[in-house]
Amino acid sequence: IRCTDGFDYKVSSNEVLLVGDDNKYNYILDNEELIKKISPQLNTKKKGYQPTGVLSRYLQSAKYSCEATLEIDLHLEELVEFPQKLEDWQKLHTQMQHVKKCLNAALDKKIQKIVFIHGVGTGVLKMEIRNYLADFSNLIVKDADFREYGMGATEVIVKY
């Protein structure tokens, strides 16, 4: 399997877990050939998986409906099923991949205000996010409203 970091990993079929575009686990497949290659034990009775997009759950929030602010929660409990099983580098990698996917999707949809909720912690994720966002000339990056998020969120304003 080629991972999103560009490295190839050799794994058995029972170690494969399909993740949809919305970062949800997908145990239902509609590609019979792929099903046979991955694992005959998968539940294939229900068919027709339709990816809904990485932003679908965020676009349905009241914050987006009322204020056109896209809130992206990066707490691991929101992104993976068993965060305690991940090593520190895997946690950071998972969170940064989600930041990148959400930012790209938001830019495609011309969303102007995004808040990445990363929590306070040790500041590693916050610094990684800010280093990544610094490469974009059309973004204004600042701490999100302290009254609403404390010190645990970064606000991004997109200039179109």
Protein backbone atom coordinates (compact mmCIF):
# COMPACT_ATOMS: atom_id res chain seq x y z
CA ILE A 1 0.00 0.00 0.00
CA ARG A 2 1.31 3.47 -0.82
CA CYS A 3 0.59 5.82 2.05
CA THR A 4 -0.14 9.53 1.68
CA ASP A 5 3.40 10.23 2.89
CA GLY A 6 4.72 8.59 -0.30
CA PHE A 7 6.10 5.43 1.32
CA ASP A 8 5.09 1.89 0.35
CA TYR A 9 4.11 -0.52 3.11
CA LYS A 10 3.66 -4.27 2.85
CA VAL A 11 0.56 -5.38 4.75
CA SER A 12 -1.78 -8.36 4.69
CA SER A 13 -5.35 -7.91 3.51
CA ASN A 14 -6.77 -8.20 7.03
CA GLU A 15 -4.77 -5.11 8.05
CA VAL A 16 -6.41 -2.88 5.42
CA LEU A 17 -9.04 -0.42 6.55
CA LEU A 18 -10.74 1.73 3.94
CA VAL A 19 -11.29 5.36 4.89
CA GLY A 20 -13.67 7.54 2.90
CA ASP A 21 -13.12 11.13 1.80
CA ASP A 22 -14.91 12.32 4.95
CA ASN A 23 -12.35 10.48 7.15
CA LYS A 24 -14.95 7.91 8.22
CA TYR A 25 -14.21 4.20 8.12
CA ASN A 26 -15.85 2.38 5.24
CA TYR A 27 -16.65 -1.29 5.56
CA ILE A 28 -19.03 -1.28 2.59
CA LEU A 29 -17.67 -1.56 -0.94
CA ASP A 30 -19.35 -1.56 -4.32
CA ASN A 31 -16.39 -2.68 -6.44
CA GLU A 32 -16.54 -6.49 -6.63
CA GLU A 33 -13.03 -6.85 -8.05
CA LEU A 34 -11.56 -4.71 -5.29
CA ILE A 35 -13.50 -6.65 -2.68
CA LYS A 36 -11.98 -9.92 -3.88
CA LYS A 37 -8.46 -8.46 -3.80
CA ILE A 38 -8.72 -6.88 -0.35
CA SER A 39 -10.55 -9.41 1.78
CA PRO A 40 -13.35 -11.92 1.32
CA GLN A 41 -14.39 -11.37 4.95
CA LEU A 42 -15.60 -7.80 4.38
CA ASN A 43 -19.30 -7.14 4.79
CA THR A 44 -20.47 -6.63 1.22
CA LYS A 45 -24.23 -7.04 1.59
CA LYS A 46 -24.88 -3.30 1.61
CA LYS A 47 -23.68 -1.55 -1.50
CA GLY A 48 -23.49 1.91 -2.93
CA TYR A 49 -21.01 3.80 -0.75
CA GLN A 50 -21.15 7.42 -1.78
CA PRO A 51 -18.37 9.59 -0.41
CA THR A 52 -19.81 12.83 0.86
CA GLY A 53 -16.63 14.88 1.00
CA VAL A 54 -14.24 15.82 3.74
CA LEU A 55 -16.18 18.99 4.66
CA SER A 56 -19.70 17.52 4.74
CA ARG A 57 -20.02 17.29 8.53
CA TYR A 58 -18.53 20.77 9.02
CA LEU A 59 -20.79 22.43 6.44
CA GLN A 60 -23.86 21.20 8.34
CA SER A 61 -22.87 22.93 11.58
CA ALA A 62 -24.76 25.88 13.02
CA LYS A 63 -21.55 27.93 13.06
CA TYR A 64 -21.24 27.60 9.29
CA SER A 65 -24.94 28.21 8.68
CA CYS A 66 -25.05 31.38 10.79
CA GLU A 67 -21.59 32.90 10.45
CA ALA A 68 -20.10 31.21 7.35
CA THR A 69 -17.23 30.05 9.58
CA LEU A 70 -15.92 26.57 8.92
CA GLU A 71 -14.83 24.98 12.23
CA ILE A 72 -12.46 22.05 11.77
CA ASP A 73 -11.97 20.04 14.97
CA LEU A 74 -8.54 18.38 14.93
CA HIS A 75 -8.86 16.48 18.21
CA LEU A 76 -7.90 12.88 17.45
CA GLU A 77 -11.11 11.50 18.96
CA GLU A 78 -12.92 13.25 16.09
CA LEU A 79 -10.60 11.88 13.40
CA VAL A 80 -9.82 8.25 14.27
CA GLU A 81 -11.57 5.47 16.12
CA PHE A 82 -8.71 4.44 18.44
CA PRO A 83 -6.37 7.44 18.93
CA GLN A 84 -4.62 5.79 21.87
CA LYS A 85 -3.17 3.15 19.53
CA LEU A 86 -1.29 5.72 17.46
CA GLU A 87 2.27 6.81 18.07
CA ASP A 88 2.95 10.53 18.43
CA TRP A 89 4.21 10.95 14.86
CA GLN A 90 1.13 9.14 13.53
CA LYS A 91 -1.15 11.43 15.51
CA LEU A 92 0.52 14.54 14.13
CA HIS A 93 0.56 13.11 10.60
CA THR A 94 -3.16 12.26 10.78
CA GLN A 95 -4.05 15.72 12.02
CA MET A 96 -1.90 17.49 9.42
CA GLN A 97 -3.35 15.37 6.60
CA HIS A 98 -6.81 16.43 7.77
CA VAL A 99 -5.74 20.09 7.82
CA LYS A 100 -4.45 19.81 4.25
CA LYS A 101 -7.56 18.02 2.94
CA CYS A 102 -9.92 20.45 4.64
CA LEU A 103 -7.99 23.52 3.52
CA ASN A 104 -7.92 22.35 -0.10
CA ALA A 105 -11.64 21.53 -0.03
CA ALA A 106 -12.44 24.89 1.58
CA LEU A 107 -10.40 26.75 -1.04
CA ASP A 108 -12.24 24.84 -3.79
CA LYS A 109 -15.58 25.88 -2.28
CA LYS A 110 -14.39 29.50 -1.88
CA ILE A 111 -14.96 29.49 1.89
CA GLN A 112 -13.47 32.64 3.41
CA LYS A 113 -13.15 31.87 7.12
CA ILE A 114 -11.81 28.65 8.65
CA VAL A 115 -11.06 27.91 12.31
CA PHE A 116 -8.78 24.96 13.04
CA ILE A 117 -9.45 23.77 16.60
CA HIS A 118 -6.23 22.10 17.73
CA GLY A 119 -6.37 22.45 21.50
CA VAL A 120 -3.63 23.85 23.70
CA GLY A 121 -1.40 20.82 24.36
CA THR A 122 2.34 21.33 23.93
CA GLY A 123 1.93 23.56 20.87
CA VAL A 124 3.45 21.15 18.33
CA LEU A 125 0.29 20.84 16.21
CA LYS A 126 -0.34 24.59 16.33
CA MET A 127 3.21 25.27 15.13
CA GLU A 128 2.96 22.66 12.34
CA ILE A 129 -0.32 24.17 11.14
CA ARG A 130 1.11 27.68 11.12
CA ASN A 131 4.28 26.57 9.33
CA TYR A 132 2.16 24.87 6.67
CA LEU A 133 -0.18 27.84 6.25
CA ALA A 134 2.75 30.27 5.99
CA ASP A 135 3.40 28.96 2.47
CA PHE A 136 0.10 30.41 1.22
CA SER A 137 0.25 34.07 0.22
CA ASN A 138 -3.54 34.47 0.12
CA LEU A 139 -4.13 33.49 3.76
CA ILE A 140 -4.26 35.61 6.90
CA VAL A 141 -3.42 33.39 9.89
CA LYS A 142 -4.03 34.44 13.49
CA ASP A 143 -5.19 33.16 16.87
CA ALA A 144 -8.93 32.56 16.90
CA ASP A 145 -11.18 34.54 19.27
CA PHE A 146 -9.89 33.87 22.78
CA ARG A 147 -13.36 34.27 24.34
CA GLU A 148 -14.74 31.48 22.19
CA TYR A 149 -11.79 29.09 21.72
CA GLY A 150 -9.25 30.00 24.39
CA MET A 151 -5.70 29.51 23.13
CA GLY A 152 -6.59 26.30 21.30
CA ALA A 153 -7.58 27.45 17.82
CA THR A 154 -6.12 29.12 14.74
CA GLU A 155 -8.25 31.30 12.48
CA VAL A 156 -7.60 31.48 8.75
CA ILE A 157 -9.06 34.18 6.52
CA VAL A 158 -8.81 33.53 2.78
CA LYS A 159 -8.31 36.48 0.44
CA TYR A 160 -9.86 35.75 -2.96
